[in-house]
C-alpha cells in the first residue's frame, strides 16, 4: 500500500512540473526583430584615381571616384539594391577657360546589388571620362540614397 501512494505522489509531482514548465515558455521571450528594417548606412571616405588606357587613336583617361560606405548597425543587414550612391560633378577648373566651360560630365550613380552585413564597409566606384587636356580640379557632390541621404562635397585636383 505504501508503494502505491508513493507512485501516485511521484506521478503527481512529475505532472505538476510538466504543466508548470509548459506555462512559462512565453514569459522570457523577446520580440523578434522586424524583417523590413533597413539600417542607416554612412558615407565614409571618398577618394580618386586616374586611370589611363591605351586605345586608338588617343589614350583614354578615366577619373575613378571611390565611394566608401559603412553599415554601422550591430544586428541589421542592408538588403541588396537598398543603397544608391550618386556623384554629381559641379565646378570644373582648367588651365584654359574654354575647356572649363565646354567640359561638363554627366552625373554618375551606382546601386549596391549585394547585401551589406552589419559593421562592414563596401566601396562603390563611379568613373568619369576626362578630356585630353589637363584640368586643374573638379568639385563633386556625393550623396547616399538621395534625396534624404548623407551628402559630402569633395574636390579632385590634377597632379
C-alpha atoms as a PDB file:
ATOM      1  CA  UNK A   1       0.000   0.000   0.000  1.00  0.00           C
ATOM      2  CA  UNK A   2       2.794   2.355   0.717  1.00  0.00           C
ATOM      3  CA  UNK A   3       4.260   1.626  -2.730  1.00  0.00           C
ATOM      4  CA  UNK A   4       1.026   2.622  -4.428  1.00  0.00           C
ATOM      5  CA  UNK A   5       0.758   6.027  -2.727  1.00  0.00           C
ATOM      6  CA  UNK A   6       4.464   6.623  -3.437  1.00  0.00           C
ATOM      7  CA  UNK A   7       3.888   6.031  -7.174  1.00  0.00           C
ATOM      8  CA  UNK A   8       0.888   8.401  -7.146  1.00  0.00           C
ATOM      9  CA  UNK A   9       2.926  11.105  -5.428  1.00  0.00           C
ATOM     10  CA  UNK A  10       5.782  10.792  -7.941  1.00  0.00           C
ATOM     11  CA  UNK A  11       3.391  10.852 -10.920  1.00  0.00           C
ATOM     12  CA  UNK A  12       1.540  13.862  -9.476  1.00  0.00           C
ATOM     13  CA  UNK A  13       4.816  15.697  -8.873  1.00  0.00           C
ATOM     14  CA  UNK A  14       6.102  14.988 -12.400  1.00  0.00           C
ATOM     15  CA  UNK A  15       2.747  16.085 -13.879  1.00  0.00           C
ATOM     16  CA  UNK A  16       2.896  19.326 -11.888  1.00  0.00           C
ATOM     17  CA  UNK A  17       6.457  20.034 -13.079  1.00  0.00           C
ATOM     18  CA  UNK A  18       5.481  19.327 -16.704  1.00  0.00           C
ATOM     19  CA  UNK A  19       2.454  21.625 -16.568  1.00  0.00           C
ATOM     20  CA  UNK A  20       4.470  24.403 -14.883  1.00  0.00           C
ATOM     21  CA  UNK A  21       7.231  24.230 -17.496  1.00  0.00           C
ATOM     22  CA  UNK A  22       4.739  24.447 -20.374  1.00  0.00           C
ATOM     23  CA  UNK A  23       3.126  27.564 -18.921  1.00  0.00           C
ATOM     24  CA  UNK A  24       6.349  29.601 -18.625  1.00  0.00           C
ATOM     25  CA  UNK A  25       7.530  29.166 -22.214  1.00  0.00           C
ATOM     26  CA  UNK A  26       6.456  32.664 -23.393  1.00  0.00           C
ATOM     27  CA  UNK A  27       7.424  34.605 -20.286  1.00  0.00           C
ATOM     28  CA  UNK A  28      11.114  35.130 -21.111  1.00  0.00           C
ATOM     29  CA  UNK A  29      10.911  35.537 -24.887  1.00  0.00           C
ATOM     30  CA  UNK A  30      11.999  38.748 -26.670  1.00  0.00           C
ATOM     31  CA  UNK A  31      10.259  40.469 -29.542  1.00  0.00           C
ATOM     32  CA  UNK A  32      11.561  39.272 -32.892  1.00  0.00           C
ATOM     33  CA  UNK A  33      13.283  41.991 -34.999  1.00  0.00           C
ATOM     34  CA  UNK A  34      11.246  43.362 -37.857  1.00  0.00           C
ATOM     35  CA  UNK A  35      12.257  41.904 -41.209  1.00  0.00           C
ATOM     36  CA  UNK A  36      11.641  45.147 -43.084  1.00  0.00           C
ATOM     37  CA  UNK A  37      14.054  47.293 -41.022  1.00  0.00           C
ATOM     38  CA  UNK A  38      16.823  48.826 -43.121  1.00  0.00           C
ATOM     39  CA  UNK A  39      19.902  50.133 -41.299  1.00  0.00           C
ATOM     40  CA  UNK A  40      21.044  53.719 -41.807  1.00  0.00           C
ATOM     41  CA  UNK A  41      24.301  53.471 -43.783  1.00  0.00           C
ATOM     42  CA  UNK A  42      27.005  56.135 -43.564  1.00  0.00           C
ATOM     43  CA  UNK A  43      29.097  57.811 -46.214  1.00  0.00           C
ATOM     44  CA  UNK A  44      32.746  57.383 -45.260  1.00  0.00           C
ATOM     45  CA  UNK A  45      35.800  58.250 -47.413  1.00  0.00           C
ATOM     46  CA  UNK A  46      35.666  59.493 -50.996  1.00  0.00           C
ATOM     47  CA  UNK A  47      38.915  59.074 -52.929  1.00  0.00           C
ATOM     48  CA  UNK A  48      40.052  59.417 -56.548  1.00  0.00           C
ATOM     49  CA  UNK A  49      42.281  57.623 -59.030  1.00  0.00           C
ATOM     50  CA  UNK A  50      43.091  58.479 -62.654  1.00  0.00           C
ATOM     51  CA  UNK A  51      43.429  55.514 -64.989  1.00  0.00           C
ATOM     52  CA  UNK A  52      44.881  55.721 -68.450  1.00  0.00           C
ATOM     53  CA  UNK A  53      44.109  53.050 -71.031  1.00  0.00           C
ATOM     54  CA  UNK A  54      45.818  52.634 -74.329  1.00  0.00           C
ATOM     55  CA  UNK A  55      43.335  52.971 -77.145  1.00  0.00           C
ATOM     56  CA  UNK A  56      43.456  54.048 -80.746  1.00  0.00           C
ATOM     57  CA  UNK A  57      43.856  56.864 -81.864  1.00  0.00           C
ATOM     58  CA  UNK A  58      44.395  58.535 -78.436  1.00  0.00           C
ATOM     59  CA  UNK A  59      44.707  57.172 -74.892  1.00  0.00           C
ATOM     60  CA  UNK A  60      41.575  57.304 -72.752  1.00  0.00           C
ATOM     61  CA  UNK A  61      41.746  58.897 -69.293  1.00  0.00           C
ATOM     62  CA  UNK A  62      39.174  57.925 -66.690  1.00  0.00           C
ATOM     63  CA  UNK A  63      38.701  59.525 -63.284  1.00  0.00           C
ATOM     64  CA  UNK A  64      37.503  56.855 -60.854  1.00  0.00           C
ATOM     65  CA  UNK A  65      35.600  58.075 -57.783  1.00  0.00           C
ATOM     66  CA  UNK A  66      35.731  55.576 -54.904  1.00  0.00           C
ATOM     67  CA  UNK A  67      32.791  55.990 -52.504  1.00  0.00           C
ATOM     68  CA  UNK A  68      33.175  54.060 -49.252  1.00  0.00           C
ATOM     69  CA  UNK A  69      30.009  53.205 -47.311  1.00  0.00           C
ATOM     70  CA  UNK A  70      29.606  51.708 -43.841  1.00  0.00           C
ATOM     71  CA  UNK A  71      26.772  49.777 -42.224  1.00  0.00           C
ATOM     72  CA  UNK A  72      27.258  50.760 -38.553  1.00  0.00           C
ATOM     73  CA  UNK A  73      24.399  48.582 -37.308  1.00  0.00           C
ATOM     74  CA  UNK A  74      25.350  45.766 -34.974  1.00  0.00           C
ATOM     75  CA  UNK A  75      22.483  43.478 -35.989  1.00  0.00           C
ATOM     76  CA  UNK A  76      20.817  44.609 -39.242  1.00  0.00           C
ATOM     77  CA  UNK A  77      21.955  43.727 -42.757  1.00  0.00           C
ATOM     78  CA  UNK A  78      21.195  46.215 -45.527  1.00  0.00           C
ATOM     79  CA  UNK A  79      19.334  44.282 -48.239  1.00  0.00           C
ATOM     80  CA  UNK A  80      20.516  44.174 -51.872  1.00  0.00           C
ATOM     81  CA  UNK A  81      19.588  47.192 -54.020  1.00  0.00           C
ATOM     82  CA  UNK A  82      18.822  49.364 -50.969  1.00  0.00           C
ATOM     83  CA  UNK A  83      21.943  51.554 -51.193  1.00  0.00           C
ATOM     84  CA  UNK A  84      22.480  54.028 -54.026  1.00  0.00           C
ATOM     85  CA  UNK A  85      25.391  56.444 -54.429  1.00  0.00           C
ATOM     86  CA  UNK A  86      25.077  59.454 -56.739  1.00  0.00           C
ATOM     87  CA  UNK A  87      28.090  61.535 -57.770  1.00  0.00           C
ATOM     88  CA  UNK A  88      27.296  64.881 -59.397  1.00  0.00           C
ATOM     89  CA  UNK A  89      30.162  66.887 -60.953  1.00  0.00           C
ATOM     90  CA  UNK A  90      29.999  70.564 -60.115  1.00  0.00           C
ATOM     91  CA  UNK A  91      32.576  73.277 -60.733  1.00  0.00           C
ATOM     92  CA  UNK A  92      35.287  72.391 -63.255  1.00  0.00           C
ATOM     93  CA  UNK A  93      38.502  74.432 -63.244  1.00  0.00           C
ATOM     94  CA  UNK A  94      41.045  74.194 -66.029  1.00  0.00           C
ATOM     95  CA  UNK A  95      44.206  75.946 -67.037  1.00  0.00           C
ATOM     96  CA  UNK A  96      42.331  77.313 -70.069  1.00  0.00           C
ATOM     97  CA  UNK A  97      38.880  78.898 -69.647  1.00  0.00           C
ATOM     98  CA  UNK A  98      37.440  77.461 -72.873  1.00  0.00           C
ATOM     99  CA  UNK A  99      37.904  73.888 -71.631  1.00  0.00           C
ATOM    100  CA  UNK A 100      36.255  74.522 -68.248  1.00  0.00           C
ATOM    101  CA  UNK A 101      33.147  75.881 -69.966  1.00  0.00           C
ATOM    102  CA  UNK A 102      32.956  73.090 -72.569  1.00  0.00           C
ATOM    103  CA  UNK A 103      33.652  70.120 -70.265  1.00  0.00           C
ATOM    104  CA  UNK A 104      30.545  69.081 -68.322  1.00  0.00           C
ATOM    105  CA  UNK A 105      30.450  65.372 -67.391  1.00  0.00           C
ATOM    106  CA  UNK A 106      27.025  63.898 -66.586  1.00  0.00           C
ATOM    107  CA  UNK A 107      26.128  62.675 -63.077  1.00  0.00           C
ATOM    108  CA  UNK A 108      27.000  59.092 -62.222  1.00  0.00           C
ATOM    109  CA  UNK A 109      25.166  56.664 -59.990  1.00  0.00           C
ATOM    110  CA  UNK A 110      25.622  53.116 -58.788  1.00  0.00           C
ATOM    111  CA  UNK A 111      23.418  50.768 -56.751  1.00  0.00           C
ATOM    112  CA  UNK A 112      24.925  48.151 -54.439  1.00  0.00           C
ATOM    113  CA  UNK A 113      23.324  44.903 -55.588  1.00  0.00           C
ATOM    114  CA  UNK A 114      24.726  42.840 -52.690  1.00  0.00           C
ATOM    115  CA  UNK A 115      23.625  42.746 -49.049  1.00  0.00           C
ATOM    116  CA  UNK A 116      25.779  44.799 -46.664  1.00  0.00           C
ATOM    117  CA  UNK A 117      26.243  42.859 -43.393  1.00  0.00           C
ATOM    118  CA  UNK A 118      26.417  44.596 -40.003  1.00  0.00           C
ATOM    119  CA  UNK A 119      29.573  46.583 -39.189  1.00  0.00           C
ATOM    120  CA  UNK A 120      31.082  46.188 -42.676  1.00  0.00           C
ATOM    121  CA  UNK A 121      32.319  48.578 -45.369  1.00  0.00           C
ATOM    122  CA  UNK A 122      31.910  48.451 -49.128  1.00  0.00           C
ATOM    123  CA  UNK A 123      33.454  50.645 -51.814  1.00  0.00           C
ATOM    124  CA  UNK A 124      31.479  51.694 -54.873  1.00  0.00           C
ATOM    125  CA  UNK A 125      33.295  53.002 -57.980  1.00  0.00           C
ATOM    126  CA  UNK A 126      31.953  55.546 -60.461  1.00  0.00           C
ATOM    127  CA  UNK A 127      34.017  56.566 -63.500  1.00  0.00           C
ATOM    128  CA  UNK A 128      34.141  59.810 -65.466  1.00  0.00           C
ATOM    129  CA  UNK A 129      35.901  60.296 -68.785  1.00  0.00           C
ATOM    130  CA  UNK A 130      38.484  63.093 -68.704  1.00  0.00           C
ATOM    131  CA  UNK A 131      39.471  65.275 -71.673  1.00  0.00           C
ATOM    132  CA  UNK A 132      42.943  65.081 -73.258  1.00  0.00           C
ATOM    133  CA  UNK A 133      43.873  68.486 -71.856  1.00  0.00           C
ATOM    134  CA  UNK A 134      44.784  68.679 -68.179  1.00  0.00           C
ATOM    135  CA  UNK A 135      42.219  70.012 -65.745  1.00  0.00           C
ATOM    136  CA  UNK A 136      43.012  71.901 -62.580  1.00  0.00           C
ATOM    137  CA  UNK A 137      40.176  70.458 -60.459  1.00  0.00           C
ATOM    138  CA  UNK A 138      36.605  69.157 -60.367  1.00  0.00           C
ATOM    139  CA  UNK A 139      34.273  69.547 -57.397  1.00  0.00           C
ATOM    140  CA  UNK A 140      31.805  66.699 -56.802  1.00  0.00           C
ATOM    141  CA  UNK A 141      28.721  66.322 -54.654  1.00  0.00           C
ATOM    142  CA  UNK A 142      28.425  62.743 -53.394  1.00  0.00           C
ATOM    143  CA  UNK A 143      25.147  61.556 -51.874  1.00  0.00           C
ATOM    144  CA  UNK A 144      23.878  58.262 -50.491  1.00  0.00           C
ATOM    145  CA  UNK A 145      20.238  57.327 -51.079  1.00  0.00           C
ATOM    146  CA  UNK A 146      19.002  60.688 -52.411  1.00  0.00           C
ATOM    147  CA  UNK A 147      17.174  62.880 -51.664  1.00  0.00           C
ATOM    148  CA  UNK A 148      17.309  62.393 -47.862  1.00  0.00           C
ATOM    149  CA  UNK A 149      20.673  60.619 -47.557  1.00  0.00           C
ATOM    150  CA  UNK A 150      24.010  61.926 -46.324  1.00  0.00           C
ATOM    151  CA  UNK A 151      25.915  64.312 -48.658  1.00  0.00           C
ATOM    152  CA  UNK A 152      29.595  65.251 -48.991  1.00  0.00           C
ATOM    153  CA  UNK A 153      31.312  67.773 -51.252  1.00  0.00           C
ATOM    154  CA  UNK A 154      34.790  66.704 -52.379  1.00  0.00           C
ATOM    155  CA  UNK A 155      37.340  68.090 -54.828  1.00  0.00           C
ATOM    156  CA  UNK A 156      39.699  66.224 -57.138  1.00  0.00           C
ATOM    157  CA  UNK A 157      42.858  68.078 -58.195  1.00  0.00           C
ATOM    158  CA  UNK A 158      45.086  67.152 -61.122  1.00  0.00           C
ATOM    159  CA  UNK A 159      48.632  66.405 -60.009  1.00  0.00           C
END
